[in-house]
Amino acid sequence: MTSNDILNHKVPGYIVFLCNRLRDVSLIELRQGFAKEYDTVLNFYLDRMEDSIHARNIDLKKFEEVKSLSKQYGEYEILYSFRELYEIKTALPQEQDYTLVYASDDVVNSYNSLKTDFYLETNSGCFCQWNAVAKLLEIQREHLAEYESGSLLSLDI
């Protein structure tokens, strides 16, 4: 038995990519900050508001810019599974703007590679511009997709 048979051997499975539009954050919600639990979309706004969020009067122009910018972004999640495709489709969250499931003969490396590609493109672990999603998933969508729901074209504003 070789070390390749024991360490880092290829395991087939599926990669699952989920993405949703960012919800609108109201000015009141922005002023109140985090209520009880961490909110990634609220954090998206706070990060982009820069120092104006710490002022007594929030910069409304900056708020509108960030709100407009948020329309170009999606919140994504990359998962993997060793289950059958029909089980994965049954387990998928219902409220997704875009979903892609594709098979891989080496799911661990495919998962790591896709996560790395998205992180390098976005410098973020969960937000990406819609046009970058299309570019990063081009090969998977055209050649590997086994299930796709939603359209990236309708989401790219």
N, C-alpha and C. Protein backbone atom coordinates (compact mmCIF):
# COMPACT_ATOMS: atom_id res chain seq x y z
N MET A 1 0.85 -1.18 0.00
CA MET A 1 0.00 0.00 0.00
C MET A 1 0.90 1.25 0.00
N THR A 2 0.62 2.20 -0.89
CA THR A 2 1.42 3.42 -0.97
C THR A 2 0.83 4.49 -0.06
N SER A 3 1.61 5.52 0.19
CA SER A 3 1.12 6.62 1.04
C SER A 3 -0.05 7.34 0.39
N ASN A 4 -0.13 7.35 -0.97
CA ASN A 4 -1.26 7.97 -1.66
C ASN A 4 -2.56 7.22 -1.41
N ASP A 5 -2.46 5.92 -1.12
CA ASP A 5 -3.65 5.13 -0.79
C ASP A 5 -4.14 5.43 0.62
N ILE A 6 -3.26 5.90 1.47
CA ILE A 6 -3.60 6.16 2.86
C ILE A 6 -3.86 7.64 3.11
N LEU A 7 -3.00 8.51 2.58
CA LEU A 7 -3.10 9.95 2.80
C LEU A 7 -3.58 10.66 1.54
N ASN A 8 -4.46 11.59 1.69
CA ASN A 8 -4.94 12.43 0.59
C ASN A 8 -5.44 11.64 -0.61
N HIS A 9 -6.08 10.53 -0.35
CA HIS A 9 -6.63 9.79 -1.48
C HIS A 9 -7.91 10.48 -1.97
N LYS A 10 -8.20 10.28 -3.22
CA LYS A 10 -9.35 10.93 -3.84
C LYS A 10 -10.64 10.30 -3.34
N VAL A 11 -11.56 11.17 -2.96
CA VAL A 11 -12.88 10.72 -2.51
C VAL A 11 -13.91 11.43 -3.37
N PRO A 12 -14.74 10.68 -4.09
CA PRO A 12 -15.76 11.32 -4.92
C PRO A 12 -16.88 11.91 -4.08
N GLY A 13 -17.49 12.95 -4.60
CA GLY A 13 -18.59 13.59 -3.91
C GLY A 13 -19.14 14.75 -4.73
N TYR A 14 -19.84 15.62 -4.07
CA TYR A 14 -20.46 16.77 -4.74
C TYR A 14 -20.05 18.06 -4.05
N ILE A 15 -19.87 19.09 -4.85
CA ILE A 15 -19.66 20.45 -4.35
C ILE A 15 -21.00 21.17 -4.49
N VAL A 16 -21.38 21.90 -3.46
CA VAL A 16 -22.64 22.64 -3.45
C VAL A 16 -22.31 24.12 -3.25
N PHE A 17 -22.75 24.94 -4.19
CA PHE A 17 -22.53 26.38 -4.12
C PHE A 17 -23.90 27.04 -3.96
N LEU A 18 -24.07 27.82 -2.90
CA LEU A 18 -25.32 28.53 -2.62
C LEU A 18 -25.03 30.03 -2.58
N CYS A 19 -25.95 30.82 -3.13
CA CYS A 19 -25.74 32.26 -3.12
C CYS A 19 -27.08 33.00 -3.08
N ASN A 20 -27.14 34.04 -2.27
CA ASN A 20 -28.33 34.88 -2.15
C ASN A 20 -27.95 36.34 -2.29
N ARG A 21 -28.91 37.11 -2.80
CA ARG A 21 -28.76 38.57 -2.80
C ARG A 21 -28.62 39.03 -1.35
N LEU A 22 -27.98 40.16 -1.18
CA LEU A 22 -27.92 40.75 0.16
C LEU A 22 -29.25 41.44 0.44
N ARG A 23 -29.76 41.24 1.62
CA ARG A 23 -31.01 41.90 1.99
C ARG A 23 -30.74 43.39 2.22
N ASP A 24 -31.78 44.19 2.11
CA ASP A 24 -31.65 45.62 2.40
C ASP A 24 -31.54 45.82 3.91
N VAL A 25 -30.62 46.66 4.30
CA VAL A 25 -30.46 47.03 5.70
C VAL A 25 -30.98 48.45 5.85
N SER A 26 -31.85 48.66 6.82
CA SER A 26 -32.42 49.99 7.03
C SER A 26 -31.45 50.86 7.82
N LEU A 27 -31.66 52.13 7.74
CA LEU A 27 -30.84 53.08 8.48
C LEU A 27 -30.98 52.86 9.98
N ILE A 28 -32.18 52.56 10.43
CA ILE A 28 -32.41 52.30 11.86
C ILE A 28 -31.62 51.07 12.30
N GLU A 29 -31.67 50.02 11.50
CA GLU A 29 -30.94 48.80 11.83
C GLU A 29 -29.44 49.07 11.86
N LEU A 30 -28.96 49.88 10.94
CA LEU A 30 -27.55 50.22 10.90
C LEU A 30 -27.13 50.99 12.16
N ARG A 31 -27.97 51.91 12.60
CA ARG A 31 -27.68 52.69 13.82
C ARG A 31 -27.66 51.81 15.06
N GLN A 32 -28.55 50.82 15.10
CA GLN A 32 -28.64 49.96 16.27
C GLN A 32 -27.52 48.93 16.33
N GLY A 33 -26.97 48.59 15.18
CA GLY A 33 -25.89 47.60 15.16
C GLY A 33 -26.42 46.21 15.41
N PHE A 34 -25.57 45.35 15.94
CA PHE A 34 -25.95 43.96 16.18
C PHE A 34 -26.84 43.87 17.42
N ALA A 35 -28.00 43.28 17.24
CA ALA A 35 -28.95 43.14 18.34
C ALA A 35 -28.52 41.97 19.23
N LYS A 36 -28.85 40.77 18.82
CA LYS A 36 -28.57 39.61 19.65
C LYS A 36 -27.53 38.68 19.04
N GLU A 37 -27.51 38.60 17.73
CA GLU A 37 -26.58 37.69 17.08
C GLU A 37 -25.88 38.38 15.92
N TYR A 38 -24.75 37.83 15.55
CA TYR A 38 -23.96 38.37 14.45
C TYR A 38 -24.73 38.25 13.14
N ASP A 39 -24.71 39.29 12.34
CA ASP A 39 -25.41 39.35 11.07
C ASP A 39 -24.40 39.72 9.99
N THR A 40 -24.12 38.79 9.08
CA THR A 40 -23.10 39.03 8.06
C THR A 40 -23.45 40.18 7.13
N VAL A 41 -24.73 40.33 6.79
CA VAL A 41 -25.12 41.41 5.87
C VAL A 41 -24.99 42.77 6.56
N LEU A 42 -25.39 42.85 7.80
CA LEU A 42 -25.20 44.09 8.55
C LEU A 42 -23.71 44.42 8.64
N ASN A 43 -22.89 43.41 8.83
CA ASN A 43 -21.45 43.62 8.88
C ASN A 43 -20.92 44.12 7.53
N PHE A 44 -21.49 43.65 6.41
CA PHE A 44 -21.12 44.14 5.08
C PHE A 44 -21.29 45.66 5.03
N TYR A 45 -22.44 46.14 5.50
CA TYR A 45 -22.72 47.58 5.51
C TYR A 45 -21.76 48.31 6.45
N LEU A 46 -21.59 47.81 7.66
CA LEU A 46 -20.74 48.47 8.64
C LEU A 46 -19.30 48.60 8.15
N ASP A 47 -18.78 47.54 7.52
CA ASP A 47 -17.41 47.58 7.00
C ASP A 47 -17.24 48.66 5.94
N ARG A 48 -18.24 48.85 5.13
CA ARG A 48 -18.14 49.80 4.02
C ARG A 48 -18.53 51.23 4.40
N MET A 49 -19.13 51.39 5.55
CA MET A 49 -19.49 52.74 6.02
C MET A 49 -18.28 53.48 6.59
N GLU A 50 -17.21 52.76 6.82
CA GLU A 50 -15.96 53.33 7.32
C GLU A 50 -16.20 54.10 8.61
N ASP A 51 -15.56 55.25 8.77
CA ASP A 51 -15.66 56.02 10.00
C ASP A 51 -17.00 56.72 10.17
N SER A 52 -17.76 56.85 9.09
CA SER A 52 -19.01 57.60 9.18
C SER A 52 -20.02 56.91 10.11
N ILE A 53 -19.85 55.63 10.35
CA ILE A 53 -20.79 54.92 11.22
C ILE A 53 -20.58 55.29 12.69
N HIS A 54 -19.38 55.77 13.02
CA HIS A 54 -19.08 56.11 14.41
C HIS A 54 -19.50 57.54 14.76
N ALA A 55 -19.83 58.32 13.76
CA ALA A 55 -20.26 59.69 13.99
C ALA A 55 -21.67 59.71 14.55
N ARG A 56 -22.00 60.78 15.23
CA ARG A 56 -23.35 60.93 15.78
C ARG A 56 -24.38 60.95 14.65
N ASN A 57 -24.04 61.59 13.55
CA ASN A 57 -24.93 61.64 12.38
C ASN A 57 -24.31 60.82 11.26
N ILE A 58 -24.98 59.74 10.92
CA ILE A 58 -24.47 58.87 9.86
C ILE A 58 -24.50 59.61 8.53
N ASP A 59 -23.44 59.44 7.76
CA ASP A 59 -23.34 60.05 6.44
C ASP A 59 -24.35 59.38 5.50
N LEU A 60 -25.46 60.07 5.22
CA LEU A 60 -26.53 59.50 4.41
C LEU A 60 -26.09 59.21 2.98
N LYS A 61 -25.21 60.05 2.45
CA LYS A 61 -24.71 59.82 1.10
C LYS A 61 -23.92 58.51 1.05
N LYS A 62 -23.08 58.30 2.05
CA LYS A 62 -22.29 57.07 2.12
C LYS A 62 -23.22 55.86 2.31
N PHE A 63 -24.26 56.02 3.11
CA PHE A 63 -25.23 54.94 3.32
C PHE A 63 -25.89 54.54 2.00
N GLU A 64 -26.30 55.53 1.21
CA GLU A 64 -26.94 55.24 -0.08
C GLU A 64 -25.96 54.59 -1.06
N GLU A 65 -24.69 54.99 -1.01
CA GLU A 65 -23.67 54.37 -1.86
C GLU A 65 -23.50 52.89 -1.50
N VAL A 66 -23.43 52.61 -0.21
CA VAL A 66 -23.26 51.23 0.25
C VAL A 66 -24.50 50.41 -0.09
N LYS A 67 -25.67 51.01 0.07
CA LYS A 67 -26.92 50.31 -0.26
C LYS A 67 -26.95 49.96 -1.75
N SER A 68 -26.53 50.89 -2.59
CA SER A 68 -26.47 50.64 -4.03
C SER A 68 -25.42 49.57 -4.36
N LEU A 69 -24.28 49.65 -3.71
CA LEU A 69 -23.21 48.67 -3.90
C LEU A 69 -23.67 47.27 -3.50
N SER A 70 -24.46 47.17 -2.47
CA SER A 70 -24.91 45.86 -1.97
C SER A 70 -25.74 45.10 -3.00
N LYS A 71 -26.36 45.81 -3.93
CA LYS A 71 -27.16 45.16 -4.98
C LYS A 71 -26.30 44.35 -5.95
N GLN A 72 -25.00 44.66 -5.98
CA GLN A 72 -24.09 43.97 -6.89
C GLN A 72 -23.46 42.73 -6.25
N TYR A 73 -23.77 42.50 -4.97
CA TYR A 73 -23.12 41.42 -4.23
C TYR A 73 -24.09 40.33 -3.82
N GLY A 74 -23.54 39.14 -3.64
CA GLY A 74 -24.28 38.03 -3.08
C GLY A 74 -23.52 37.47 -1.90
N GLU A 75 -24.25 36.85 -1.01
CA GLU A 75 -23.64 36.15 0.11
C GLU A 75 -23.60 34.67 -0.27
N TYR A 76 -22.40 34.12 -0.34
CA TYR A 76 -22.26 32.75 -0.82
C TYR A 76 -21.81 31.80 0.27
N GLU A 77 -22.05 30.53 0.01
CA GLU A 77 -21.60 29.46 0.89
C GLU A 77 -21.18 28.29 0.00
N ILE A 78 -20.05 27.69 0.31
CA ILE A 78 -19.56 26.55 -0.44
C ILE A 78 -19.53 25.35 0.51
N LEU A 79 -20.21 24.29 0.09
CA LEU A 79 -20.33 23.08 0.91
C LEU A 79 -19.90 21.87 0.08
N TYR A 80 -19.76 20.75 0.74
CA TYR A 80 -19.51 19.50 0.02
C TYR A 80 -20.34 18.39 0.65
N SER A 81 -20.54 17.33 -0.11
CA SER A 81 -21.32 16.21 0.39
C SER A 81 -20.86 14.92 -0.27
N PHE A 82 -20.97 13.85 0.49
CA PHE A 82 -20.66 12.52 -0.02
C PHE A 82 -21.95 11.74 -0.31
N ARG A 83 -23.08 12.38 -0.14
CA ARG A 83 -24.38 11.74 -0.35
C ARG A 83 -24.75 11.71 -1.83
N GLU A 84 -25.84 11.04 -2.13
CA GLU A 84 -26.36 10.98 -3.50
C GLU A 84 -27.00 12.31 -3.88
N LEU A 85 -27.05 12.59 -5.18
CA LEU A 85 -27.58 13.86 -5.68
C LEU A 85 -29.02 14.10 -5.22
N TYR A 86 -29.87 13.08 -5.27
CA TYR A 86 -31.27 13.27 -4.86
C TYR A 86 -31.36 13.64 -3.38
N GLU A 87 -30.47 13.12 -2.54
CA GLU A 87 -30.47 13.48 -1.12
C GLU A 87 -30.03 14.93 -0.93
N ILE A 88 -29.04 15.33 -1.69
CA ILE A 88 -28.55 16.71 -1.61
C ILE A 88 -29.64 17.68 -2.04
N LYS A 89 -30.30 17.38 -3.16
CA LYS A 89 -31.36 18.26 -3.65
C LYS A 89 -32.49 18.39 -2.63
N THR A 90 -32.80 17.31 -1.95
CA THR A 90 -33.84 17.33 -0.92
C THR A 90 -33.42 18.18 0.28
N ALA A 91 -32.14 18.18 0.61
CA ALA A 91 -31.64 18.89 1.78
C ALA A 91 -31.32 20.36 1.52
N LEU A 92 -31.33 20.79 0.27
CA LEU A 92 -30.98 22.18 -0.06
C LEU A 92 -31.98 23.15 0.56
N PRO A 93 -31.49 24.29 1.04
CA PRO A 93 -32.41 25.32 1.54
C PRO A 93 -33.34 25.79 0.42
N GLN A 94 -34.58 26.05 0.74
CA GLN A 94 -35.57 26.44 -0.27
C GLN A 94 -35.36 27.85 -0.80
N GLU A 95 -34.97 28.76 0.04
CA GLU A 95 -34.88 30.17 -0.33
C GLU A 95 -33.48 30.55 -0.79
N GLN A 96 -33.09 30.11 -1.97
CA GLN A 96 -31.79 30.46 -2.53
C GLN A 96 -31.99 31.16 -3.87
N ASP A 97 -31.25 32.25 -4.09
CA ASP A 97 -31.31 32.93 -5.38
C ASP A 97 -30.55 32.15 -6.45
N TYR A 98 -29.49 31.46 -6.04
CA TYR A 98 -28.72 30.67 -6.99
C TYR A 98 -28.12 29.45 -6.29
N THR A 99 -28.22 28.30 -6.93
CA THR A 99 -27.67 27.05 -6.41
C THR A 99 -27.00 26.30 -7.55
N LEU A 100 -25.82 25.76 -7.28
CA LEU A 100 -25.12 24.92 -8.24
C LEU A 100 -24.58 23.71 -7.49
N VAL A 101 -24.84 22.52 -8.03
CA VAL A 101 -24.30 21.28 -7.48
C VAL A 101 -23.57 20.57 -8.61
N TYR A 102 -22.33 20.19 -8.34
CA TYR A 102 -21.59 19.46 -9.36
C TYR A 102 -20.74 18.35 -8.72
N ALA A 103 -20.52 17.30 -9.50
CA ALA A 103 -19.77 16.15 -9.03
C ALA A 103 -18.28 16.39 -9.16
N SER A 104 -17.54 15.74 -8.28
CA SER A 104 -16.09 15.80 -8.32
C SER A 104 -15.53 14.43 -7.94
N ASP A 105 -14.48 14.02 -8.62
CA ASP A 105 -13.86 12.74 -8.26
C ASP A 105 -12.90 12.92 -7.08
N ASP A 106 -12.61 14.17 -6.70
CA ASP A 106 -11.75 14.48 -5.56
C ASP A 106 -12.37 15.67 -4.83
N VAL A 107 -13.40 15.40 -4.06
CA VAL A 107 -14.22 16.46 -3.47
C VAL A 107 -13.43 17.35 -2.50
N VAL A 108 -12.49 16.79 -1.78
CA VAL A 108 -11.72 17.58 -0.82
C VAL A 108 -10.87 18.62 -1.53
N ASN A 109 -10.15 18.21 -2.56
CA ASN A 109 -9.33 19.17 -3.32
C ASN A 109 -10.20 20.16 -4.09
N SER A 110 -11.31 19.70 -4.65
CA SER A 110 -12.20 20.61 -5.37
C SER A 110 -12.78 21.66 -4.43
N TYR A 111 -13.18 21.24 -3.25
CA TYR A 111 -13.72 22.16 -2.24
C TYR A 111 -12.67 23.20 -1.87
N ASN A 112 -11.47 22.74 -1.52
CA ASN A 112 -10.40 23.67 -1.14
C ASN A 112 -10.04 24.62 -2.27
N SER A 113 -9.99 24.11 -3.48
CA SER A 113 -9.66 24.93 -4.64
C SER A 113 -10.71 26.03 -4.87
N LEU A 114 -11.99 25.65 -4.81
CA LEU A 114 -13.05 26.63 -5.02
C LEU A 114 -13.08 27.67 -3.90
N LYS A 115 -12.92 27.23 -2.66
CA LYS A 115 -12.88 28.17 -1.53
C LYS A 115 -11.72 29.15 -1.70
N THR A 116 -10.58 28.65 -2.10
CA THR A 116 -9.41 29.51 -2.31
C THR A 116 -9.65 30.49 -3.44
N ASP A 117 -10.20 30.02 -4.56
CA ASP A 117 -10.48 30.91 -5.69
C ASP A 117 -11.40 32.06 -5.28
N PHE A 118 -12.45 31.74 -4.54
CA PHE A 118 -13.38 32.78 -4.11
C PHE A 118 -12.73 33.72 -3.10
N TYR A 119 -11.95 33.18 -2.19
CA TYR A 119 -11.30 34.05 -1.21
C TYR A 119 -10.31 35.00 -1.88
N LEU A 120 -9.53 34.49 -2.83
CA LEU A 120 -8.57 35.35 -3.52
C LEU A 120 -9.26 36.42 -4.35
N GLU A 121 -10.41 36.10 -4.91
CA GLU A 121 -11.16 37.07 -5.71
C GLU A 121 -11.81 38.13 -4.84
N THR A 122 -12.27 37.75 -3.67
CA THR A 122 -13.11 38.65 -2.87
C THR A 122 -12.46 39.20 -1.61
N ASN A 123 -11.38 38.58 -1.15
CA ASN A 123 -10.78 38.93 0.14
C ASN A 123 -11.81 38.86 1.26
N SER A 124 -12.77 37.99 1.08
CA SER A 124 -13.85 37.84 2.04
C SER A 124 -14.27 36.38 2.04
N GLY A 125 -14.79 35.95 3.15
CA GLY A 125 -15.22 34.57 3.24
C GLY A 125 -16.65 34.32 2.84
N CYS A 126 -17.41 35.40 2.53
CA CYS A 126 -18.82 35.11 2.26
C CYS A 126 -19.51 36.07 1.29
N PHE A 127 -18.87 37.11 0.80
CA PHE A 127 -19.49 38.04 -0.14
C PHE A 127 -18.73 38.06 -1.46
N CYS A 128 -19.47 38.14 -2.55
CA CYS A 128 -18.84 38.18 -3.86
C CYS A 128 -19.75 38.93 -4.83
N GLN A 129 -19.15 39.70 -5.74
CA GLN A 129 -19.95 40.36 -6.76
C GLN A 129 -20.50 39.29 -7.70
N TRP A 130 -21.72 39.52 -8.18
CA TRP A 130 -22.39 38.53 -9.04
C TRP A 130 -21.59 38.22 -10.29
N ASN A 131 -20.99 39.24 -10.92
CA ASN A 131 -20.22 38.97 -12.14
C ASN A 131 -19.00 38.10 -11.85
N ALA A 132 -18.42 38.21 -10.66
CA ALA A 132 -17.29 37.36 -10.29
C ALA A 132 -17.74 35.92 -10.05
N VAL A 133 -18.95 35.74 -9.52
CA VAL A 133 -19.49 34.39 -9.32
C VAL A 133 -19.57 33.68 -10.66
N ALA A 134 -20.11 34.36 -11.65
CA ALA A 134 -20.24 33.76 -12.98
C ALA A 134 -18.87 33.38 -13.55
N LYS A 135 -17.90 34.26 -13.38
CA LYS A 135 -16.56 34.00 -13.89
C LYS A 135 -15.90 32.83 -13.16
N LEU A 136 -16.01 32.81 -11.85
CA LEU A 136 -15.36 31.76 -11.05
C LEU A 136 -16.00 30.38 -11.23
N LEU A 137 -17.27 30.35 -11.57
CA LEU A 137 -17.98 29.07 -11.72
C LEU A 137 -18.19 28.68 -13.19
N GLU A 138 -17.56 29.38 -14.10
CA GLU A 138 -17.82 29.17 -15.54
C GLU A 138 -17.60 27.71 -15.96
N ILE A 139 -16.48 27.13 -15.61
CA ILE A 139 -16.17 25.75 -16.03
C ILE A 139 -17.14 24.77 -15.38
N GLN A 140 -17.38 24.95 -14.08
CA GLN A 140 -18.28 24.04 -13.38
C GLN A 140 -19.69 24.11 -13.97
N ARG A 141 -20.15 25.31 -14.29
CA ARG A 141 -21.50 25.48 -14.83
C ARG A 141 -21.63 24.86 -16.21
N GLU A 142 -20.61 25.03 -17.04
CA GLU A 142 -20.69 24.55 -18.42
C GLU A 142 -20.42 23.06 -18.58
N HIS A 143 -19.56 22.51 -17.73
CA HIS A 143 -19.11 21.14 -17.97
C HIS A 143 -19.42 20.14 -16.86
N LEU A 144 -19.66 20.61 -15.65
CA LEU A 144 -19.79 19.67 -14.54
C LEU A 144 -21.14 19.71 -13.83
N ALA A 145 -21.93 20.72 -14.08
CA ALA A 145 -23.18 20.92 -13.32
C ALA A 145 -24.11 19.72 -13.44
N GLU A 146 -24.59 19.27 -12.30
CA GLU A 146 -25.60 18.21 -12.27
C GLU A 146 -26.94 18.76 -11.82
N TYR A 147 -26.88 19.92 -11.15
CA TYR A 147 -28.11 20.59 -10.73
C TYR A 147 -27.80 22.08 -10.62
N GLU A 148 -28.66 22.89 -11.22
CA GLU A 148 -28.50 24.34 -11.14
C GLU A 148 -29.89 24.96 -11.01
N SER A 149 -30.02 25.87 -10.07
CA SER A 149 -31.29 26.54 -9.85
C SER A 149 -31.02 28.04 -9.73
N GLY A 150 -31.86 28.83 -10.38
CA GLY A 150 -31.64 30.27 -10.40
C GLY A 150 -30.77 30.64 -11.59
N SER A 151 -30.66 31.92 -11.84
CA SER A 151 -29.87 32.39 -12.97
C SER A 151 -28.95 33.51 -12.51
N LEU A 152 -27.69 33.39 -12.83
CA LEU A 152 -26.75 34.46 -12.49
C LEU A 152 -27.01 35.70 -13.33
N LEU A 153 -27.54 35.53 -14.53
CA LEU A 153 -27.82 36.69 -15.39
C LEU A 153 -28.87 37.61 -14.78
N SER A 154 -29.88 37.04 -14.17
CA SER A 154 -30.93 37.86 -13.57
C SER A 154 -30.48 38.52 -12.28
N LEU A 155 -29.37 38.05 -11.72
CA LEU A 155 -28.90 38.60 -10.45
C LEU A 155 -27.84 39.67 -10.65
N ASP A 156 -27.16 39.65 -11.77
CA ASP A 156 -26.12 40.63 -12.05
C ASP A 156 -26.76 41.93 -12.51
N ILE A 157 -26.70 42.92 -11.67
CA ILE A 157 -27.35 44.20 -11.95
C ILE A 157 -26.39 45.15 -12.59
